[in-house]
Amino acid sequence: MAYEAHLTRADLWVYDKEPITFDEVKALTLPDGFEAVENCTFSDGAVSISLGKCAVYTRPDGVKNFLIFGNGAPSFKILSEEDAKPFIKLAELLGAKVQGDDGEIYTHEGVQWE
């Protein structure tokens, strides 16, 4: 089952009053594997879903993960700590962190609880 994580500069993502924006991400020189997409669509072959503006990370094996911008801190799905690593690089460029739903922080060394 996938778990949600967020890019935030706030102490706790749910209270992020100035969330990271798509335009901030688009203005960056993005890490390898990332692309800023204005009209992002997820498709599993049977169903297509419009995600709006997002940053897409494509793993070397072709699997995609989507950083979705909406109300509040942008979020993405993770199945393991490994899935957070490219987003940690992106967060560092933004002066932010990757934080799970329960407040845990994902770092290059592993998960940290504050």
N, C-alpha and C. Protein backbone atom coordinates (compact mmCIF):
# COMPACT_ATOMS: atom_id res chain seq x y z
N MET A 1 0.84 -1.18 0.00
CA MET A 1 0.00 0.00 0.00
C MET A 1 0.89 1.24 0.00
N ALA A 2 0.55 2.23 -0.79
CA ALA A 2 1.33 3.47 -0.90
C ALA A 2 1.04 4.38 0.29
N TYR A 3 2.04 5.15 0.62
CA TYR A 3 1.98 6.10 1.72
C TYR A 3 2.26 7.47 1.13
N GLU A 4 1.71 8.50 1.72
CA GLU A 4 1.88 9.85 1.20
C GLU A 4 3.00 10.58 1.93
N ALA A 5 3.81 11.30 1.16
CA ALA A 5 4.86 12.15 1.73
C ALA A 5 4.74 13.53 1.08
N HIS A 6 5.31 14.53 1.73
CA HIS A 6 5.13 15.92 1.33
C HIS A 6 6.46 16.65 1.30
N LEU A 7 6.59 17.63 0.41
CA LEU A 7 7.72 18.55 0.42
C LEU A 7 7.27 19.80 1.15
N THR A 8 7.99 20.16 2.21
CA THR A 8 7.58 21.29 3.02
C THR A 8 8.77 22.00 3.65
N ARG A 9 8.57 23.27 3.92
CA ARG A 9 9.54 24.06 4.70
C ARG A 9 9.02 24.29 6.12
N ALA A 10 7.78 23.92 6.36
CA ALA A 10 7.15 24.10 7.67
C ALA A 10 7.62 23.02 8.65
N ASP A 11 7.41 23.28 9.94
CA ASP A 11 7.73 22.26 10.94
C ASP A 11 6.90 21.00 10.71
N LEU A 12 5.63 21.19 10.37
CA LEU A 12 4.73 20.08 10.06
C LEU A 12 3.97 20.42 8.79
N TRP A 13 4.02 19.54 7.81
CA TRP A 13 3.48 19.80 6.48
C TRP A 13 2.03 20.29 6.50
N VAL A 14 1.22 19.79 7.40
CA VAL A 14 -0.19 20.14 7.42
C VAL A 14 -0.42 21.62 7.76
N TYR A 15 0.59 22.26 8.39
CA TYR A 15 0.47 23.67 8.76
C TYR A 15 1.27 24.58 7.82
N ASP A 16 1.64 24.08 6.66
CA ASP A 16 2.46 24.84 5.71
C ASP A 16 1.65 26.00 5.13
N LYS A 17 1.96 27.23 5.58
CA LYS A 17 1.22 28.42 5.14
C LYS A 17 1.76 29.00 3.83
N GLU A 18 2.99 28.63 3.46
CA GLU A 18 3.59 29.07 2.20
C GLU A 18 4.16 27.86 1.48
N PRO A 19 3.27 27.01 0.95
CA PRO A 19 3.73 25.77 0.33
C PRO A 19 4.58 26.02 -0.92
N ILE A 20 5.41 25.06 -1.20
CA ILE A 20 6.23 25.07 -2.42
C ILE A 20 5.28 25.07 -3.61
N THR A 21 5.61 25.88 -4.60
CA THR A 21 4.74 25.99 -5.78
C THR A 21 5.35 25.29 -6.99
N PHE A 22 4.49 25.02 -7.94
CA PHE A 22 4.94 24.44 -9.21
C PHE A 22 5.94 25.37 -9.88
N ASP A 23 5.68 26.67 -9.84
CA ASP A 23 6.57 27.63 -10.50
C ASP A 23 7.97 27.61 -9.87
N GLU A 24 8.06 27.42 -8.55
CA GLU A 24 9.37 27.30 -7.89
C GLU A 24 10.13 26.09 -8.43
N VAL A 25 9.43 24.98 -8.54
CA VAL A 25 10.06 23.75 -9.02
C VAL A 25 10.45 23.89 -10.48
N LYS A 26 9.56 24.45 -11.27
CA LYS A 26 9.82 24.62 -12.71
C LYS A 26 11.03 25.51 -12.96
N ALA A 27 11.29 26.48 -12.08
CA ALA A 27 12.41 27.41 -12.25
C ALA A 27 13.77 26.77 -11.92
N LEU A 28 13.76 25.61 -11.27
CA LEU A 28 15.00 24.94 -10.89
C LEU A 28 15.65 24.21 -12.06
N THR A 29 16.94 23.97 -11.93
CA THR A 29 17.59 22.96 -12.75
C THR A 29 17.29 21.66 -12.01
N LEU A 30 16.38 20.88 -12.54
CA LEU A 30 15.87 19.70 -11.83
C LEU A 30 16.88 18.56 -11.81
N PRO A 31 16.87 17.78 -10.73
CA PRO A 31 17.75 16.60 -10.67
C PRO A 31 17.39 15.61 -11.78
N ASP A 32 18.34 14.76 -12.11
CA ASP A 32 18.11 13.74 -13.14
C ASP A 32 16.85 12.94 -12.84
N GLY A 33 16.07 12.71 -13.87
CA GLY A 33 14.85 11.92 -13.75
C GLY A 33 13.60 12.74 -13.54
N PHE A 34 13.75 14.03 -13.21
CA PHE A 34 12.59 14.90 -12.97
C PHE A 34 12.24 15.73 -14.19
N GLU A 35 10.96 16.01 -14.32
CA GLU A 35 10.45 16.89 -15.36
C GLU A 35 9.24 17.63 -14.79
N ALA A 36 9.19 18.95 -15.01
CA ALA A 36 8.02 19.75 -14.61
C ALA A 36 7.02 19.70 -15.76
N VAL A 37 5.79 19.31 -15.46
CA VAL A 37 4.77 19.11 -16.50
C VAL A 37 3.55 19.96 -16.17
N GLU A 38 3.16 20.83 -17.09
CA GLU A 38 2.01 21.72 -16.90
C GLU A 38 0.68 20.96 -16.81
N ASN A 39 0.47 20.01 -17.70
CA ASN A 39 -0.79 19.26 -17.75
C ASN A 39 -0.48 17.78 -17.60
N CYS A 40 -0.27 17.37 -16.39
CA CYS A 40 0.16 16.02 -16.06
C CYS A 40 -1.03 15.06 -16.07
N THR A 41 -0.83 13.88 -16.64
CA THR A 41 -1.86 12.85 -16.68
C THR A 41 -1.27 11.52 -16.24
N PHE A 42 -1.98 10.84 -15.35
CA PHE A 42 -1.61 9.48 -14.96
C PHE A 42 -2.53 8.54 -15.71
N SER A 43 -1.95 7.49 -16.29
CA SER A 43 -2.75 6.50 -16.98
C SER A 43 -2.23 5.11 -16.66
N ASP A 44 -3.15 4.20 -16.36
CA ASP A 44 -2.75 2.82 -16.12
C ASP A 44 -3.15 1.92 -17.29
N GLY A 45 -3.50 2.55 -18.40
CA GLY A 45 -3.92 1.80 -19.57
C GLY A 45 -5.42 1.72 -19.71
N ALA A 46 -6.13 1.63 -18.61
CA ALA A 46 -7.58 1.56 -18.63
C ALA A 46 -8.22 2.89 -18.26
N VAL A 47 -7.57 3.62 -17.36
CA VAL A 47 -8.11 4.87 -16.84
C VAL A 47 -7.04 5.94 -16.92
N SER A 48 -7.44 7.15 -17.32
CA SER A 48 -6.53 8.30 -17.31
C SER A 48 -7.09 9.34 -16.35
N ILE A 49 -6.18 9.90 -15.54
CA ILE A 49 -6.58 10.90 -14.56
C ILE A 49 -5.74 12.14 -14.75
N SER A 50 -6.37 13.30 -14.87
CA SER A 50 -5.66 14.56 -14.98
C SER A 50 -5.20 14.98 -13.59
N LEU A 51 -3.89 15.24 -13.45
CA LEU A 51 -3.33 15.63 -12.17
C LEU A 51 -3.01 17.12 -12.11
N GLY A 52 -3.20 17.83 -13.21
CA GLY A 52 -2.85 19.24 -13.26
C GLY A 52 -1.35 19.42 -13.34
N LYS A 53 -0.83 20.45 -12.69
CA LYS A 53 0.61 20.71 -12.69
C LYS A 53 1.29 19.74 -11.73
N CYS A 54 2.39 19.14 -12.18
CA CYS A 54 3.13 18.23 -11.31
C CYS A 54 4.58 18.14 -11.75
N ALA A 55 5.40 17.59 -10.88
CA ALA A 55 6.77 17.24 -11.23
C ALA A 55 6.80 15.72 -11.29
N VAL A 56 7.23 15.20 -12.42
CA VAL A 56 7.24 13.75 -12.63
C VAL A 56 8.66 13.24 -12.45
N TYR A 57 8.82 12.23 -11.60
CA TYR A 57 10.10 11.56 -11.49
C TYR A 57 9.97 10.20 -12.17
N THR A 58 10.87 9.92 -13.12
CA THR A 58 10.88 8.65 -13.81
C THR A 58 12.11 7.87 -13.39
N ARG A 59 11.88 6.71 -12.75
CA ARG A 59 12.98 5.86 -12.31
C ARG A 59 13.69 5.26 -13.53
N PRO A 60 14.90 4.76 -13.35
CA PRO A 60 15.61 4.12 -14.47
C PRO A 60 14.83 2.97 -15.11
N ASP A 61 13.96 2.30 -14.35
CA ASP A 61 13.17 1.20 -14.91
C ASP A 61 11.88 1.68 -15.59
N GLY A 62 11.69 3.01 -15.67
CA GLY A 62 10.54 3.57 -16.37
C GLY A 62 9.33 3.86 -15.50
N VAL A 63 9.33 3.44 -14.25
CA VAL A 63 8.20 3.70 -13.35
C VAL A 63 8.18 5.17 -12.97
N LYS A 64 7.01 5.77 -13.01
CA LYS A 64 6.86 7.20 -12.73
C LYS A 64 6.24 7.43 -11.35
N ASN A 65 6.66 8.53 -10.73
CA ASN A 65 6.06 8.99 -9.49
C ASN A 65 5.78 10.48 -9.65
N PHE A 66 4.68 10.95 -9.12
CA PHE A 66 4.19 12.29 -9.38
C PHE A 66 4.18 13.13 -8.11
N LEU A 67 4.84 14.29 -8.15
CA LEU A 67 4.73 15.29 -7.10
C LEU A 67 3.57 16.19 -7.50
N ILE A 68 2.49 16.12 -6.74
CA ILE A 68 1.25 16.79 -7.13
C ILE A 68 1.08 18.07 -6.31
N PHE A 69 0.76 19.14 -7.01
CA PHE A 69 0.54 20.45 -6.39
C PHE A 69 -0.96 20.68 -6.29
N GLY A 70 -1.39 21.07 -5.12
CA GLY A 70 -2.80 21.36 -4.90
C GLY A 70 -2.89 22.39 -3.80
N ASN A 71 -3.77 22.18 -2.87
CA ASN A 71 -3.87 23.04 -1.70
C ASN A 71 -2.92 22.51 -0.64
N GLY A 72 -1.99 23.33 -0.21
CA GLY A 72 -1.04 22.90 0.80
C GLY A 72 0.24 22.35 0.21
N ALA A 73 0.98 21.62 1.04
CA ALA A 73 2.29 21.09 0.65
C ALA A 73 2.13 20.07 -0.48
N PRO A 74 2.95 20.17 -1.53
CA PRO A 74 2.87 19.18 -2.61
C PRO A 74 3.20 17.79 -2.07
N SER A 75 2.58 16.77 -2.67
CA SER A 75 2.73 15.42 -2.14
C SER A 75 3.01 14.41 -3.25
N PHE A 76 3.55 13.26 -2.81
CA PHE A 76 3.82 12.14 -3.71
C PHE A 76 3.64 10.85 -2.93
N LYS A 77 3.56 9.73 -3.63
CA LYS A 77 3.36 8.43 -3.00
C LYS A 77 4.69 7.70 -2.86
N ILE A 78 4.84 6.99 -1.74
CA ILE A 78 6.02 6.15 -1.56
C ILE A 78 5.59 4.77 -1.08
N LEU A 79 6.30 3.77 -1.53
CA LEU A 79 6.10 2.40 -1.07
C LEU A 79 7.21 1.99 -0.12
N SER A 80 8.38 2.65 -0.27
CA SER A 80 9.53 2.35 0.58
C SER A 80 10.37 3.62 0.74
N GLU A 81 11.31 3.59 1.66
CA GLU A 81 12.20 4.73 1.85
C GLU A 81 12.97 5.05 0.57
N GLU A 82 13.25 4.04 -0.22
CA GLU A 82 13.98 4.22 -1.48
C GLU A 82 13.24 5.17 -2.41
N ASP A 83 11.91 5.12 -2.42
CA ASP A 83 11.10 5.99 -3.27
C ASP A 83 11.25 7.46 -2.90
N ALA A 84 11.64 7.75 -1.65
CA ALA A 84 11.77 9.13 -1.19
C ALA A 84 13.08 9.77 -1.65
N LYS A 85 14.10 8.98 -1.96
CA LYS A 85 15.44 9.52 -2.22
C LYS A 85 15.50 10.59 -3.31
N PRO A 86 14.91 10.40 -4.48
CA PRO A 86 14.98 11.48 -5.48
C PRO A 86 14.26 12.75 -5.02
N PHE A 87 13.20 12.59 -4.24
CA PHE A 87 12.45 13.74 -3.75
C PHE A 87 13.21 14.47 -2.64
N ILE A 88 14.07 13.75 -1.93
CA ILE A 88 14.94 14.39 -0.94
C ILE A 88 15.90 15.34 -1.65
N LYS A 89 16.45 14.91 -2.78
CA LYS A 89 17.34 15.78 -3.57
C LYS A 89 16.60 17.03 -4.02
N LEU A 90 15.39 16.85 -4.51
CA LEU A 90 14.58 17.98 -4.95
C LEU A 90 14.29 18.92 -3.78
N ALA A 91 13.91 18.36 -2.64
CA ALA A 91 13.62 19.16 -1.45
C ALA A 91 14.83 19.99 -1.04
N GLU A 92 16.01 19.42 -1.08
CA GLU A 92 17.23 20.14 -0.70
C GLU A 92 17.43 21.37 -1.58
N LEU A 93 17.14 21.24 -2.87
CA LEU A 93 17.27 22.38 -3.79
C LEU A 93 16.29 23.50 -3.44
N LEU A 94 15.20 23.15 -2.80
CA LEU A 94 14.15 24.11 -2.44
C LEU A 94 14.27 24.59 -1.00
N GLY A 95 15.29 24.15 -0.29
CA GLY A 95 15.42 24.51 1.12
C GLY A 95 14.31 23.90 1.95
N ALA A 96 13.89 22.69 1.58
CA ALA A 96 12.75 22.04 2.21
C ALA A 96 13.15 20.64 2.68
N LYS A 97 12.16 19.88 3.11
CA LYS A 97 12.37 18.51 3.56
C LYS A 97 11.24 17.64 3.04
N VAL A 98 11.45 16.33 3.09
CA VAL A 98 10.41 15.35 2.78
C VAL A 98 9.86 14.85 4.10
N GLN A 99 8.55 15.03 4.28
CA GLN A 99 7.92 14.66 5.54
C GLN A 99 6.70 13.77 5.27
N GLY A 100 6.62 12.68 6.02
CA GLY A 100 5.48 11.78 5.90
C GLY A 100 4.26 12.32 6.61
N ASP A 101 3.13 11.65 6.40
CA ASP A 101 1.87 12.06 7.01
C ASP A 101 1.94 12.17 8.53
N ASP A 102 2.77 11.33 9.16
CA ASP A 102 2.84 11.31 10.61
C ASP A 102 3.95 12.19 11.18
N GLY A 103 4.58 13.02 10.33
CA GLY A 103 5.59 13.96 10.79
C GLY A 103 7.02 13.46 10.70
N GLU A 104 7.22 12.21 10.29
CA GLU A 104 8.57 11.69 10.15
C GLU A 104 9.28 12.37 8.97
N ILE A 105 10.59 12.53 9.10
CA ILE A 105 11.40 13.18 8.06
C ILE A 105 12.23 12.13 7.34
N TYR A 106 12.17 12.14 6.04
CA TYR A 106 12.97 11.22 5.22
C TYR A 106 14.27 11.92 4.85
N THR A 107 15.39 11.28 5.18
CA THR A 107 16.71 11.82 4.88
C THR A 107 17.50 10.78 4.08
N HIS A 108 18.68 11.18 3.62
CA HIS A 108 19.54 10.23 2.90
C HIS A 108 19.94 9.05 3.81
N GLU A 109 19.96 9.28 5.12
CA GLU A 109 20.36 8.24 6.07
C GLU A 109 19.20 7.35 6.50
N GLY A 110 17.99 7.77 6.26
CA GLY A 110 16.83 7.00 6.67
C GLY A 110 15.74 7.89 7.23
N VAL A 111 14.82 7.30 7.96
CA VAL A 111 13.69 8.04 8.52
C VAL A 111 14.06 8.57 9.90
N GLN A 112 13.77 9.84 10.13
CA GLN A 112 14.05 10.48 11.41
C GLN A 112 12.72 10.91 12.04
N TRP A 113 12.59 10.67 13.32
CA TRP A 113 11.40 11.13 14.05
C TRP A 113 11.80 12.31 14.91
N GLU A 114 11.04 13.37 14.84
CA GLU A 114 11.36 14.59 15.62
C GLU A 114 10.67 14.56 16.96
